[in-house]
Structure formats: structure tokens, C-alpha cells
Amino acid sequence: MAIEVRDVSKSFGSTPVLKDVSVDITSGSLTALLGPSGGGKSTLLRVIAGLETPDAGTVTISGVDATRLSPQRRNVGFVFQHYAAFKHMSVFRNVAFGLEIRKRPKAEIRKRVDELLQLVHLEQFRDRYPAQLSGGQRQRMALARALAVEPEVLLLDEPFGALDAQVRKELRTWLRRLHDEVHVTTVFVTHDQEEAMDVSDSIVVLADGQVQQAGTPQQLYDEPASPFVMSFLGPVTRLDGRLVRPHDIDIATSPEPGTVEATVNRIVHLGFEVRVELQARSAAEDPEDVWVQVTRGTAEGLRLRTGDTVHLRAIPSALSLTV
């Protein structure tokens, strides 16, 4: 189900949170709303869900103007960061709840819940209570509960924000597989650019209540519309007054035309990769801190040591933006 947000504005008191926001979400896609805290991501999600009413603008879901429709009439599923589980109910009853209040036949409920528990790999925990599950398992239960009523749109507000880094990685991989199986139009909020790049079909970057750029992860990474977007999607460093990806900088041990002299301050080994932290000195700029990402083989070949003087240059094909 396609979603069209047009010229939506929303303020809380005298504070504007969304300013003339327009977004197109393709039917069946997995779209990330990405940006810093306070940028308007969660408010936009709540406007799409019908949990907030915009001061101006429209929300259209599957060709129907939903701007003034209640959440129940929009047929959306919503998953919050903190599960909102019914603690006194088993996993099975939690997932079945939406179907029970809709007075579906018991056999239909049992069949639907059993299918969903298998889909989210919780069938063996059907009789447990939320307190007996791990954080990742509780989040999978919350997703199954949202999917039980067969929503046209699934909305996730930082669904993995309360989990540790390793569980987050596992669950985002699982979410992508789940989406490919159920094909429900999904929108999720995150401030984690790696999560957005890894999972989504498209990304909407929001900051200061406005859309900074929208497109595929590759488009936003390779063709950022501004230094802000470039900084928010992928690592960046600054060299000779320009933003550059740290893996797009060459290190030479002798000066060459176009290079900038730098001193090695620190070398950090991160498995296969090596992070080289330096202070660069160019004729046009004050000394600036730079970091360069190289392979372990490259670092060993250069025989880098703290205190060495080296020479830096962005590779000719590198993306760079003036700060």
C-alpha cells in the first residue's frame, strides 16, 4: 500500500516539529526514516499512523485520504521501542489479542497465531510470559502481534533501540528476511545509519523537521545532497577543507604533487581494518585532525609508526564536499 505525505506541518505549542514535509513511500517497500534525535522522525511516523493530527498537509494511504481517519480505520500495525507487552498474558495470547477483540473465530485465531509464531521463530515459547523472554524475543513477539491483524502498513518506532549491539544486528537481518516474506509496506524510525543502510530499500533523511534527502541507500551514500547528509550516512573526515570518506584517502611516505603533510598521532587496529589518526597541515588551512581507514596489509606495507610524517591525498575519483 503506497503512502503519500504532502506538505505536512506539525507543531507542539510554539515549537515546529515538522515543516512542509513531503514523502512518497512505495507499496511493499521497507523505508527508513533516519536522522538525529529531535529531527521529526517519530512525529512523522505517528502522523502516518493517525496517532498525531497534522496542523497542515495530507496523508494518503493506498489512494485514500487518511489525514483525519482514526488509527483503527487506517489498518496500520505499530511497534514501539519498548514492546508494550501484556505482562499477564502468554506469548500466544499477546499475539492473539488483536484478533480476539475483533471477535474472530477461535480456530482462525489459533491458525493465524501458530503461523506467525513459526514465522518469528517463537513457536516453542508460546506458553511463556514476556518476562521469561529475552529482549530480542520480546521484540519479535511485538512484531508478530502487529502482523496478526494483517495490516496494510507496518510502522516501527526505533524497534531495536533498547537492545544491545549484537542483538540489534541479528534482528535487523531477521527483519529484512521477514519483510521479504510478508511484503507489507513497512516504515521504521532509526538514528542508526548502519541499520538504515543495511535493512531498507529507501531512506528518508530528516533533520530540523525537514526532509534533507530521500532515495536508495546507494544514492544517498554516493550522491549526498549536502555535507550534513554525507556526514550522516557513512564515515567522513575532513582533509584540506573538504569532507572525504576516510577510505578514499591515500597515505604516502614521501611528498607528491597535491598531497598534504600530516603527522601520525595514533594507530588503532580493528581486525581487518586499521584506523590511522593524524594531524594534517596545509597551506590554506589551520592544522586539522584527519583519520584514514586502511587495510591491515596497507598499514603493514607503509610501516606506520606514531610520530611519522606522511603525506595525504584524496583519490581522484573520491566524493568530496566543501564544508
C-alpha atoms as a PDB file:
ATOM      1  CA  MET A   1       0.000   0.000   0.000  1.00  0.00           C
ATOM      2  CA  ALA A   2       1.626   3.238  -1.138  1.00  0.00           C
ATOM      3  CA  ILE A   3       1.833   6.171   1.294  1.00  0.00           C
ATOM      4  CA  GLU A   4       1.933   9.796   0.178  1.00  0.00           C
ATOM      5  CA  VAL A   5       2.697  12.549   2.681  1.00  0.00           C
ATOM      6  CA  ARG A   6       2.155  16.036   1.259  1.00  0.00           C
ATOM      7  CA  ASP A   7       3.197  19.366   2.816  1.00  0.00           C
ATOM      8  CA  VAL A   8       2.723  18.137   6.372  1.00  0.00           C
ATOM      9  CA  SER A   9       3.485  20.541   9.202  1.00  0.00           C
ATOM     10  CA  LYS A  10       3.158  19.864  12.916  1.00  0.00           C
ATOM     11  CA  SER A  11       3.972  21.978  15.959  1.00  0.00           C
ATOM     12  CA  PHE A  12       3.762  21.261  19.662  1.00  0.00           C
ATOM     13  CA  GLY A  13       2.919  24.553  21.294  1.00  0.00           C
ATOM     14  CA  SER A  14       5.168  27.153  19.703  1.00  0.00           C
ATOM     15  CA  THR A  15       7.770  24.562  18.633  1.00  0.00           C
ATOM     16  CA  PRO A  16       7.613  23.428  14.984  1.00  0.00           C
ATOM     17  CA  VAL A  17       8.498  19.738  14.661  1.00  0.00           C
ATOM     18  CA  LEU A  18       7.587  19.082  11.002  1.00  0.00           C
ATOM     19  CA  LYS A  19       7.842  21.793   8.341  1.00  0.00           C
ATOM     20  CA  ASP A  20       6.162  21.183   4.971  1.00  0.00           C
ATOM     21  CA  VAL A  21       7.285  17.556   4.832  1.00  0.00           C
ATOM     22  CA  SER A  22       6.508  15.580   1.657  1.00  0.00           C
ATOM     23  CA  VAL A  23       7.430  11.899   1.336  1.00  0.00           C
ATOM     24  CA  ASP A  24       6.486   9.108  -1.098  1.00  0.00           C
ATOM     25  CA  ILE A  25       6.658   5.519   0.202  1.00  0.00           C
ATOM     26  CA  THR A  26       6.345   2.810  -2.424  1.00  0.00           C
ATOM     27  CA  SER A  27       3.906  -0.033  -1.893  1.00  0.00           C
ATOM     28  CA  GLY A  28       5.625  -3.107  -0.463  1.00  0.00           C
ATOM     29  CA  SER A  29       8.857  -1.267   0.321  1.00  0.00           C
ATOM     30  CA  LEU A  30      10.894  -1.114   3.526  1.00  0.00           C
ATOM     31  CA  THR A  31      11.628   2.556   4.187  1.00  0.00           C
ATOM     32  CA  ALA A  32      13.810   4.051   6.928  1.00  0.00           C
ATOM     33  CA  LEU A  33      13.211   7.454   8.484  1.00  0.00           C
ATOM     34  CA  LEU A  34      16.737   8.399   9.503  1.00  0.00           C
ATOM     35  CA  GLY A  35      18.092  11.405  11.318  1.00  0.00           C
ATOM     36  CA  PRO A  36      19.293  12.882  14.601  1.00  0.00           C
ATOM     37  CA  SER A  37      17.195  12.993  17.756  1.00  0.00           C
ATOM     38  CA  GLY A  38      14.593  15.743  17.602  1.00  0.00           C
ATOM     39  CA  GLY A  39      14.591  15.785  13.805  1.00  0.00           C
ATOM     40  CA  GLY A  40      10.908  14.843  13.462  1.00  0.00           C
ATOM     41  CA  LYS A  41      11.178  11.134  12.579  1.00  0.00           C
ATOM     42  CA  SER A  42       8.881   9.728  15.257  1.00  0.00           C
ATOM     43  CA  THR A  43       6.375  12.555  14.831  1.00  0.00           C
ATOM     44  CA  LEU A  44       6.143  11.839  11.095  1.00  0.00           C
ATOM     45  CA  LEU A  45       5.605   8.142  11.859  1.00  0.00           C
ATOM     46  CA  ARG A  46       2.855   8.989  14.330  1.00  0.00           C
ATOM     47  CA  VAL A  47       1.195  11.278  11.780  1.00  0.00           C
ATOM     48  CA  ILE A  48       1.178   8.404   9.267  1.00  0.00           C
ATOM     49  CA  ALA A  49      -0.285   6.122  11.959  1.00  0.00           C
ATOM     50  CA  GLY A  50      -3.002   8.622  12.910  1.00  0.00           C
ATOM     51  CA  LEU A  51      -1.649   8.995  16.448  1.00  0.00           C
ATOM     52  CA  GLU A  52      -0.948  12.664  15.729  1.00  0.00           C
ATOM     53  CA  THR A  53      -3.017  15.026  13.565  1.00  0.00           C
ATOM     54  CA  PRO A  54      -1.010  17.379  11.319  1.00  0.00           C
ATOM     55  CA  ASP A  55      -1.609  21.126  11.539  1.00  0.00           C
ATOM     56  CA  ALA A  56      -1.433  21.263   7.726  1.00  0.00           C
ATOM     57  CA  GLY A  57      -0.963  18.862   4.836  1.00  0.00           C
ATOM     58  CA  THR A  58      -2.347  15.450   3.925  1.00  0.00           C
ATOM     59  CA  VAL A  59      -1.591  11.746   4.358  1.00  0.00           C
ATOM     60  CA  THR A  60      -2.842   9.368   1.673  1.00  0.00           C
ATOM     61  CA  ILE A  61      -2.710   5.589   2.136  1.00  0.00           C
ATOM     62  CA  SER A  62      -3.458   3.419  -0.885  1.00  0.00           C
ATOM     63  CA  GLY A  63      -5.125   6.317  -2.663  1.00  0.00           C
ATOM     64  CA  VAL A  64      -7.441   7.171   0.261  1.00  0.00           C
ATOM     65  CA  ASP A  65      -7.113  10.461   2.146  1.00  0.00           C
ATOM     66  CA  ALA A  66      -6.346   9.232   5.680  1.00  0.00           C
ATOM     67  CA  THR A  67      -5.452  12.612   7.198  1.00  0.00           C
ATOM     68  CA  ARG A  68      -8.460  12.661   9.532  1.00  0.00           C
ATOM     69  CA  LEU A  69      -9.035   8.916   9.845  1.00  0.00           C
ATOM     70  CA  SER A  70      -8.574   7.234  13.220  1.00  0.00           C
ATOM     71  CA  PRO A  71      -5.685   4.769  13.605  1.00  0.00           C
ATOM     72  CA  GLN A  72      -8.172   1.872  13.673  1.00  0.00           C
ATOM     73  CA  ARG A  73      -9.554   2.827  10.256  1.00  0.00           C
ATOM     74  CA  ARG A  74      -6.097   3.101   8.647  1.00  0.00           C
ATOM     75  CA  ASN A  75      -5.301  -0.605   9.085  1.00  0.00           C
ATOM     76  CA  VAL A  76      -1.763   0.012  10.316  1.00  0.00           C
ATOM     77  CA  GLY A  77       0.319  -2.068  12.704  1.00  0.00           C
ATOM     78  CA  PHE A  78       2.537  -0.152  15.132  1.00  0.00           C
ATOM     79  CA  VAL A  79       5.553  -1.447  17.074  1.00  0.00           C
ATOM     80  CA  PHE A  80       7.155   0.746  19.718  1.00  0.00           C
ATOM     81  CA  GLN A  81      10.697   0.577  21.060  1.00  0.00           C
ATOM     82  CA  HIS A  82       9.523  -0.792  24.408  1.00  0.00           C
ATOM     83  CA  TYR A  83       7.346  -3.705  23.294  1.00  0.00           C
ATOM     84  CA  ALA A  84       4.187  -2.684  25.268  1.00  0.00           C
ATOM     85  CA  ALA A  85       3.542  -6.355  26.053  1.00  0.00           C
ATOM     86  CA  PHE A  86       0.701  -7.578  28.226  1.00  0.00           C
ATOM     87  CA  LYS A  87       2.718  -8.989  31.116  1.00  0.00           C
ATOM     88  CA  HIS A  88      -0.069 -11.206  32.462  1.00  0.00           C
ATOM     89  CA  MET A  89      -0.639 -12.894  29.089  1.00  0.00           C
ATOM     90  CA  SER A  90       1.329 -15.678  27.436  1.00  0.00           C
ATOM     91  CA  VAL A  91       3.156 -15.139  24.165  1.00  0.00           C
ATOM     92  CA  PHE A  92       0.274 -16.845  22.359  1.00  0.00           C
ATOM     93  CA  ARG A  93      -2.340 -14.577  23.989  1.00  0.00           C
ATOM     94  CA  ASN A  94      -0.269 -11.447  23.330  1.00  0.00           C
ATOM     95  CA  VAL A  95      -0.134 -12.237  19.626  1.00  0.00           C
ATOM     96  CA  ALA A  96      -3.794 -13.276  19.558  1.00  0.00           C
ATOM     97  CA  PHE A  97      -5.074 -10.169  21.356  1.00  0.00           C
ATOM     98  CA  GLY A  98      -5.861  -8.053  18.279  1.00  0.00           C
ATOM     99  CA  LEU A  99      -7.769 -10.919  16.704  1.00  0.00           C
ATOM    100  CA  GLU A 100      -9.698 -11.668  19.896  1.00  0.00           C
ATOM    101  CA  ILE A 101     -11.002  -8.115  20.271  1.00  0.00           C
ATOM    102  CA  ARG A 102     -12.108  -8.304  16.624  1.00  0.00           C
ATOM    103  CA  LYS A 103     -14.077 -11.435  17.633  1.00  0.00           C
ATOM    104  CA  ARG A 104     -12.517 -13.696  15.032  1.00  0.00           C
ATOM    105  CA  PRO A 105     -13.404 -17.420  15.285  1.00  0.00           C
ATOM    106  CA  LYS A 106     -11.198 -19.333  17.734  1.00  0.00           C
ATOM    107  CA  ALA A 107      -9.995 -21.773  15.075  1.00  0.00           C
ATOM    108  CA  GLU A 108      -8.979 -18.899  12.811  1.00  0.00           C
ATOM    109  CA  ILE A 109      -7.121 -17.199  15.686  1.00  0.00           C
ATOM    110  CA  ARG A 110      -5.279 -20.384  16.604  1.00  0.00           C
ATOM    111  CA  LYS A 111      -4.241 -20.991  12.995  1.00  0.00           C
ATOM    112  CA  ARG A 112      -3.099 -17.386  12.422  1.00  0.00           C
ATOM    113  CA  VAL A 113      -1.124 -17.176  15.684  1.00  0.00           C
ATOM    114  CA  ASP A 114       0.555 -20.539  15.100  1.00  0.00           C
ATOM    115  CA  GLU A 115       1.645 -19.375  11.629  1.00  0.00           C
ATOM    116  CA  LEU A 116       3.056 -16.121  12.987  1.00  0.00           C
ATOM    117  CA  LEU A 117       4.903 -17.766  15.875  1.00  0.00           C
ATOM    118  CA  GLN A 118       6.590 -20.060  13.366  1.00  0.00           C
ATOM    119  CA  LEU A 119       7.404 -17.059  11.165  1.00  0.00           C
ATOM    120  CA  VAL A 120       9.138 -15.227  14.030  1.00  0.00           C
ATOM    121  CA  HIS A 121      10.695 -18.417  15.442  1.00  0.00           C
ATOM    122  CA  LEU A 122       8.829 -18.311  18.763  1.00  0.00           C
ATOM    123  CA  GLU A 123       6.615 -21.381  18.446  1.00  0.00           C
ATOM    124  CA  GLN A 124       8.462 -23.147  21.278  1.00  0.00           C
ATOM    125  CA  PHE A 125       7.829 -20.161  23.591  1.00  0.00           C
ATOM    126  CA  ARG A 126       4.075 -19.887  23.016  1.00  0.00           C
ATOM    127  CA  ASP A 127       3.191 -20.601  26.666  1.00  0.00           C
ATOM    128  CA  ARG A 128       5.829 -18.372  28.237  1.00  0.00           C
ATOM    129  CA  TYR A 129       5.217 -14.887  29.602  1.00  0.00           C
ATOM    130  CA  PRO A 130       7.029 -11.752  28.348  1.00  0.00           C
ATOM    131  CA  ALA A 131       9.241 -11.596  31.453  1.00  0.00           C
ATOM    132  CA  GLN A 132      10.593 -15.061  30.538  1.00  0.00           C
ATOM    133  CA  LEU A 133      11.810 -13.881  27.109  1.00  0.00           C
ATOM    134  CA  SER A 134      14.973 -12.077  26.061  1.00  0.00           C
ATOM    135  CA  GLY A 135      14.733  -8.547  24.675  1.00  0.00           C
ATOM    136  CA  GLY A 136      15.093  -9.792  21.132  1.00  0.00           C
ATOM    137  CA  GLN A 137      12.400 -12.423  21.636  1.00  0.00           C
ATOM    138  CA  ARG A 138      10.008  -9.833  23.108  1.00  0.00           C
ATOM    139  CA  GLN A 139      10.550  -7.605  20.090  1.00  0.00           C
ATOM    140  CA  ARG A 140       9.817 -10.495  17.725  1.00  0.00           C
ATOM    141  CA  MET A 141       6.636 -11.157  19.706  1.00  0.00           C
ATOM    142  CA  ALA A 142       5.657  -7.493  19.312  1.00  0.00           C
ATOM    143  CA  LEU A 143       6.168  -7.733  15.549  1.00  0.00           C
ATOM    144  CA  ALA A 144       4.063 -10.890  15.364  1.00  0.00           C
ATOM    145  CA  ARG A 145       1.284  -9.171  17.340  1.00  0.00           C
ATOM    146  CA  ALA A 146       1.349  -6.196  14.937  1.00  0.00           C
ATOM    147  CA  LEU A 147       1.182  -8.536  11.927  1.00  0.00           C
ATOM    148  CA  ALA A 148      -1.626 -10.681  13.357  1.00  0.00           C
ATOM    149  CA  VAL A 149      -4.399  -8.359  12.164  1.00  0.00           C
ATOM    150  CA  GLU A 150      -2.895  -8.299   8.645  1.00  0.00           C
ATOM    151  CA  PRO A 151      -2.195  -4.557   8.468  1.00  0.00           C
ATOM    152  CA  GLU A 152      -1.681  -2.843   5.134  1.00  0.00           C
ATOM    153  CA  VAL A 153       1.146  -0.795   6.680  1.00  0.00           C
ATOM    154  CA  LEU A 154       3.628  -1.735   9.425  1.00  0.00           C
ATOM    155  CA  LEU A 155       5.180   1.151  11.370  1.00  0.00           C
ATOM    156  CA  LEU A 156       8.178   0.605  13.659  1.00  0.00           C
ATOM    157  CA  ASP A 157       9.466   3.310  16.013  1.00  0.00           C
ATOM    158  CA  GLU A 158      13.126   2.522  16.772  1.00  0.00           C
ATOM    159  CA  PRO A 159      12.184  -1.145  17.209  1.00  0.00           C
ATOM    160  CA  PHE A 160      15.680  -2.258  18.239  1.00  0.00           C
ATOM    161  CA  GLY A 161      16.763   0.836  20.171  1.00  0.00           C
ATOM    162  CA  ALA A 162      16.618  -0.811  23.601  1.00  0.00           C
ATOM    163  CA  LEU A 163      18.729  -3.830  22.581  1.00  0.00           C
ATOM    164  CA  ASP A 164      22.477  -4.380  22.677  1.00  0.00           C
ATOM    165  CA  ALA A 165      24.560  -4.045  19.515  1.00  0.00           C
ATOM    166  CA  GLN A 166      24.874  -7.744  18.670  1.00  0.00           C
ATOM    167  CA  VAL A 167      21.153  -8.449  19.124  1.00  0.00           C
ATOM    168  CA  ARG A 168      20.354  -5.363  17.012  1.00  0.00           C
ATOM    169  CA  LYS A 169      22.432  -6.748  14.151  1.00  0.00           C
ATOM    170  CA  GLU A 170      20.763 -10.142  14.370  1.00  0.00           C
ATOM    171  CA  LEU A 171      17.264  -8.663  14.490  1.00  0.00           C
ATOM    172  CA  ARG A 172      17.733  -6.246  11.605  1.00  0.00           C
ATOM    173  CA  THR A 173      18.861  -9.161   9.414  1.00  0.00           C
ATOM    174  CA  TRP A 174      15.803 -11.077  10.600  1.00  0.00           C
ATOM    175  CA  LEU A 175      13.529  -8.071   9.897  1.00  0.00           C
ATOM    176  CA  ARG A 176      14.764  -7.873   6.315  1.00  0.00           C
ATOM    177  CA  ARG A 177      14.041 -11.588   5.792  1.00  0.00           C
ATOM    178  CA  LEU A 178      10.631 -11.224   7.441  1.00  0.00           C
ATOM    179  CA  HIS A 179       9.744  -8.285   5.207  1.00  0.00           C
ATOM    180  CA  ASP A 180      10.729 -10.239   2.107  1.00  0.00           C
ATOM    181  CA  GLU A 181       8.292 -12.968   3.187  1.00  0.00           C
ATOM    182  CA  VAL A 182       5.264 -10.856   4.118  1.00  0.00           C
ATOM    183  CA  HIS A 183       5.764  -7.905   1.704  1.00  0.00           C
ATOM    184  CA  VAL A 184       3.818  -5.468   3.883  1.00  0.00           C
ATOM    185  CA  THR A 185       4.666  -1.788   3.325  1.00  0.00           C
ATOM    186  CA  THR A 186       6.981  -1.023   6.243  1.00  0.00           C
ATOM    187  CA  VAL A 187       8.318   2.261   7.636  1.00  0.00           C
ATOM    188  CA  PHE A 188      10.769   2.286  10.518  1.00  0.00           C
ATOM    189  CA  VAL A 189      12.431   5.055  12.500  1.00  0.00           C
ATOM    190  CA  THR A 190      16.121   4.852  13.371  1.00  0.00           C
ATOM    191  CA  HIS A 191      19.029   7.136  14.177  1.00  0.00           C
ATOM    192  CA  ASP A 192      21.490   4.353  13.296  1.00  0.00           C
ATOM    193  CA  GLN A 193      22.784   4.947   9.743  1.00  0.00           C
ATOM    194  CA  GLU A 194      24.290   1.454   9.508  1.00  0.00           C
ATOM    195  CA  GLU A 195      20.919  -0.057  10.395  1.00  0.00           C
ATOM    196  CA  ALA A 196      19.167   2.056   7.755  1.00  0.00           C
ATOM    197  CA  MET A 197      21.742   1.220   5.077  1.00  0.00           C
ATOM    198  CA  ASP A 198      21.653  -2.489   5.882  1.00  0.00           C
ATOM    199  CA  VAL A 199      17.891  -3.055   6.004  1.00  0.00           C
ATOM    200  CA  SER A 200      15.986  -0.541   3.894  1.00  0.00           C
ATOM    201  CA  ASP A 201      15.008  -0.215   0.254  1.00  0.00           C
ATOM    202  CA  SER A 202      14.862   3.561   0.616  1.00  0.00           C
ATOM    203  CA  ILE A 203      15.908   6.143   3.201  1.00  0.00           C
ATOM    204  CA  VAL A 204      14.356   9.495   4.100  1.00  0.00           C
ATOM    205  CA  VAL A 205      16.836  11.715   5.971  1.00  0.00           C
ATOM    206  CA  LEU A 206      15.070  14.113   8.341  1.00  0.00           C
ATOM    207  CA  ALA A 207      16.626  16.948  10.352  1.00  0.00           C
ATOM    208  CA  ASP A 208      15.189  20.123  11.840  1.00  0.00           C
ATOM    209  CA  GLY A 209      11.726  18.942  10.829  1.00  0.00           C
ATOM    210  CA  GLN A 210      12.537  18.869   7.119  1.00  0.00           C
ATOM    211  CA  VAL A 211      13.443  16.235   4.533  1.00  0.00           C
ATOM    212  CA  GLN A 212      17.122  16.673   3.742  1.00  0.00           C
ATOM    213  CA  GLN A 213      17.210  13.963   1.064  1.00  0.00           C
ATOM    214  CA  ALA A 214      15.381  10.782   0.060  1.00  0.00           C
ATOM    215  CA  GLY A 215      16.499   7.886  -2.128  1.00  0.00           C
ATOM    216  CA  THR A 216      18.055   4.441  -2.082  1.00  0.00           C
ATOM    217  CA  PRO A 217      20.886   3.766   0.379  1.00  0.00           C
ATOM    218  CA  GLN A 218      23.374   3.719  -2.513  1.00  0.00           C
ATOM    219  CA  GLN A 219      22.084   7.014  -3.929  1.00  0.00           C
ATOM    220  CA  LEU A 220      22.373   8.789  -0.598  1.00  0.00           C
ATOM    221  CA  TYR A 221      25.829   7.363   0.084  1.00  0.00           C
ATOM    222  CA  ASP A 222      27.247   8.072  -3.373  1.00  0.00           C
ATOM    223  CA  GLU A 223      25.366  11.299  -4.151  1.00  0.00           C
ATOM    224  CA  PRO A 224      24.652  13.133  -0.882  1.00  0.00           C
ATOM    225  CA  ALA A 225      22.789  16.405  -1.343  1.00  0.00           C
ATOM    226  CA  SER A 226      24.729  18.220   1.380  1.00  0.00           C
ATOM    227  CA  PRO A 227      27.607  17.888   3.834  1.00  0.00           C
ATOM    228  CA  PHE A 228      25.012  17.039   6.505  1.00  0.00           C
ATOM    229  CA  VAL A 229      23.671  14.043   4.552  1.00  0.00           C
ATOM    230  CA  MET A 230      27.189  12.900   3.689  1.00  0.00           C
ATOM    231  CA  SER A 231      28.150  13.070   7.366  1.00  0.00           C
ATOM    232  CA  PHE A 232      25.039  11.204   8.471  1.00  0.00           C
ATOM    233  CA  LEU A 233      25.372   8.326   6.007  1.00  0.00           C
ATOM    234  CA  GLY A 234      28.736   6.713   6.401  1.00  0.00           C
ATOM    235  CA  PRO A 235      32.018   7.766   7.960  1.00  0.00           C
ATOM    236  CA  VAL A 236      33.613  11.063   6.933  1.00  0.00           C
ATOM    237  CA  THR A 237      36.718  13.002   7.749  1.00  0.00           C
ATOM    238  CA  ARG A 238      37.987  16.426   6.752  1.00  0.00           C
ATOM    239  CA  LEU A 239      41.040  16.981   4.552  1.00  0.00           C
ATOM    240  CA  ASP A 240      42.174  20.340   3.177  1.00  0.00           C
ATOM    241  CA  GLY A 241      38.813  21.935   3.956  1.00  0.00           C
ATOM    242  CA  ARG A 242      36.665  19.241   2.331  1.00  0.00           C
ATOM    243  CA  LEU A 243      34.656  16.279   3.617  1.00  0.00           C
ATOM    244  CA  VAL A 244      36.024  12.967   2.325  1.00  0.00           C
ATOM    245  CA  ARG A 245      35.317   9.314   3.107  1.00  0.00           C
ATOM    246  CA  PRO A 246      38.247   8.024   5.209  1.00  0.00           C
ATOM    247  CA  HIS A 247      38.720   5.015   2.914  1.00  0.00           C
ATOM    248  CA  ASP A 248      39.149   7.400  -0.046  1.00  0.00           C
ATOM    249  CA  ILE A 249      42.419   8.880   1.220  1.00  0.00           C
ATOM    250  CA  ASP A 250      45.830   7.604   0.147  1.00  0.00           C
ATOM    251  CA  ILE A 251      48.805   7.708   2.510  1.00  0.00           C
ATOM    252  CA  ALA A 252      52.268   8.214   1.001  1.00  0.00           C
ATOM    253  CA  THR A 253      55.579   8.229   2.822  1.00  0.00           C
ATOM    254  CA  SER A 254      57.081  10.916   0.557  1.00  0.00           C
ATOM    255  CA  PRO A 255      55.617  14.188  -0.759  1.00  0.00           C
ATOM    256  CA  GLU A 256      53.881  14.192  -4.134  1.00  0.00           C
ATOM    257  CA  PRO A 257      52.017  16.910  -6.064  1.00  0.00           C
ATOM    258  CA  GLY A 258      48.700  17.710  -4.382  1.00  0.00           C
ATOM    259  CA  THR A 259      49.445  15.953  -1.099  1.00  0.00           C
ATOM    260  CA  VAL A 260      49.008  17.381   2.389  1.00  0.00           C
ATOM    261  CA  GLU A 261      51.648  16.776   5.053  1.00  0.00           C
ATOM    262  CA  ALA A 262      50.449  15.082   8.230  1.00  0.00           C
ATOM    263  CA  THR A 263      51.772  13.571  11.443  1.00  0.00           C
ATOM    264  CA  VAL A 264      50.581  10.170  12.677  1.00  0.00           C
ATOM    265  CA  ASN A 265      49.075  10.591  16.149  1.00  0.00           C
ATOM    266  CA  ARG A 266      47.555   7.152  16.732  1.00  0.00           C
ATOM    267  CA  ILE A 267      47.114   3.793  15.021  1.00  0.00           C
ATOM    268  CA  VAL A 268      44.115   1.663  16.001  1.00  0.00           C
ATOM    269  CA  HIS A 269      43.826  -1.961  14.832  1.00  0.00           C
ATOM    270  CA  LEU A 270      40.195  -3.019  14.327  1.00  0.00           C
ATOM    271  CA  GLY A 271      40.521  -6.548  12.992  1.00  0.00           C
ATOM    272  CA  PHE A 272      40.948  -6.395   9.205  1.00  0.00           C
ATOM    273  CA  GLU A 273      40.820  -2.595   9.192  1.00  0.00           C
ATOM    274  CA  VAL A 274      43.259  -0.089  10.647  1.00  0.00           C
ATOM    275  CA  ARG A 275      42.266   3.443  11.696  1.00  0.00           C
ATOM    276  CA  VAL A 276      45.098   5.954  11.343  1.00  0.00           C
ATOM    277  CA  GLU A 277      44.562   9.220  13.230  1.00  0.00           C
ATOM    278  CA  LEU A 278      46.653  12.160  12.043  1.00  0.00           C
ATOM    279  CA  GLN A 279      47.087  15.917  12.224  1.00  0.00           C
ATOM    280  CA  ALA A 280      47.304  17.457   8.770  1.00  0.00           C
ATOM    281  CA  ARG A 281      48.951  20.756   7.846  1.00  0.00           C
ATOM    282  CA  SER A 282      48.039  22.521   4.595  1.00  0.00           C
ATOM    283  CA  ALA A 283      48.999  25.971   3.342  1.00  0.00           C
ATOM    284  CA  ALA A 284      45.389  27.168   3.215  1.00  0.00           C
ATOM    285  CA  GLU A 285      44.052  25.721   6.474  1.00  0.00           C
ATOM    286  CA  ASP A 286      44.853  25.589  10.155  1.00  0.00           C
ATOM    287  CA  PRO A 287      46.039  22.169  11.378  1.00  0.00           C
ATOM    288  CA  GLU A 288      43.134  19.732  11.279  1.00  0.00           C
ATOM    289  CA  ASP A 289      42.503  16.273  12.664  1.00  0.00           C
ATOM    290  CA  VAL A 290      42.089  13.609   9.968  1.00  0.00           C
ATOM    291  CA  TRP A 291      41.508   9.894  10.141  1.00  0.00           C
ATOM    292  CA  VAL A 292      42.172   7.395   7.388  1.00  0.00           C
ATOM    293  CA  GLN A 293      40.816   3.869   7.036  1.00  0.00           C
ATOM    294  CA  VAL A 294      43.227   1.340   5.507  1.00  0.00           C
ATOM    295  CA  THR A 295      43.584  -2.427   5.430  1.00  0.00           C
ATOM    296  CA  ARG A 296      45.974  -4.158   7.783  1.00  0.00           C
ATOM    297  CA  GLY A 297      48.128  -5.123   4.779  1.00  0.00           C
ATOM    298  CA  THR A 298      48.379  -1.494   3.647  1.00  0.00           C
ATOM    299  CA  ALA A 299      49.306  -0.340   7.145  1.00  0.00           C
ATOM    300  CA  GLU A 300      51.981  -3.022   7.424  1.00  0.00           C
ATOM    301  CA  GLY A 301      53.333  -2.142   3.976  1.00  0.00           C
ATOM    302  CA  LEU A 302      53.664   1.542   4.948  1.00  0.00           C
ATOM    303  CA  ARG A 303      55.302   0.551   8.270  1.00  0.00           C
ATOM    304  CA  LEU A 304      53.461   3.348  10.022  1.00  0.00           C
ATOM    305  CA  ARG A 305      54.525   4.435  13.490  1.00  0.00           C
ATOM    306  CA  THR A 306      53.203   7.110  15.832  1.00  0.00           C
ATOM    307  CA  GLY A 307      55.059  10.363  15.154  1.00  0.00           C
ATOM    308  CA  ASP A 308      55.796   9.571  11.485  1.00  0.00           C
ATOM    309  CA  THR A 309      55.403  12.327   8.912  1.00  0.00           C
ATOM    310  CA  VAL A 310      53.318  11.168   5.950  1.00  0.00           C
ATOM    311  CA  HIS A 311      51.522  12.768   3.016  1.00  0.00           C
ATOM    312  CA  LEU A 312      47.774  12.513   2.329  1.00  0.00           C
ATOM    313  CA  ARG A 313      45.703  12.881  -0.804  1.00  0.00           C
ATOM    314  CA  ALA A 314      42.092  12.106  -1.666  1.00  0.00           C
ATOM    315  CA  ILE A 315      41.977   9.600  -4.535  1.00  0.00           C
ATOM    316  CA  PRO A 316      40.969  11.305  -7.808  1.00  0.00           C
ATOM    317  CA  SER A 317      37.567   9.581  -8.048  1.00  0.00           C
ATOM    318  CA  ALA A 318      36.661  10.267  -4.399  1.00  0.00           C
ATOM    319  CA  LEU A 319      33.477  12.032  -3.434  1.00  0.00           C
ATOM    320  CA  SER A 320      34.243  15.231  -1.550  1.00  0.00           C
ATOM    321  CA  LEU A 321      32.170  18.229  -0.460  1.00  0.00           C
ATOM    322  CA  THR A 322      33.330  21.656   0.651  1.00  0.00           C
ATOM    323  CA  VAL A 323      32.483  22.278   4.272  1.00  0.00           C
END
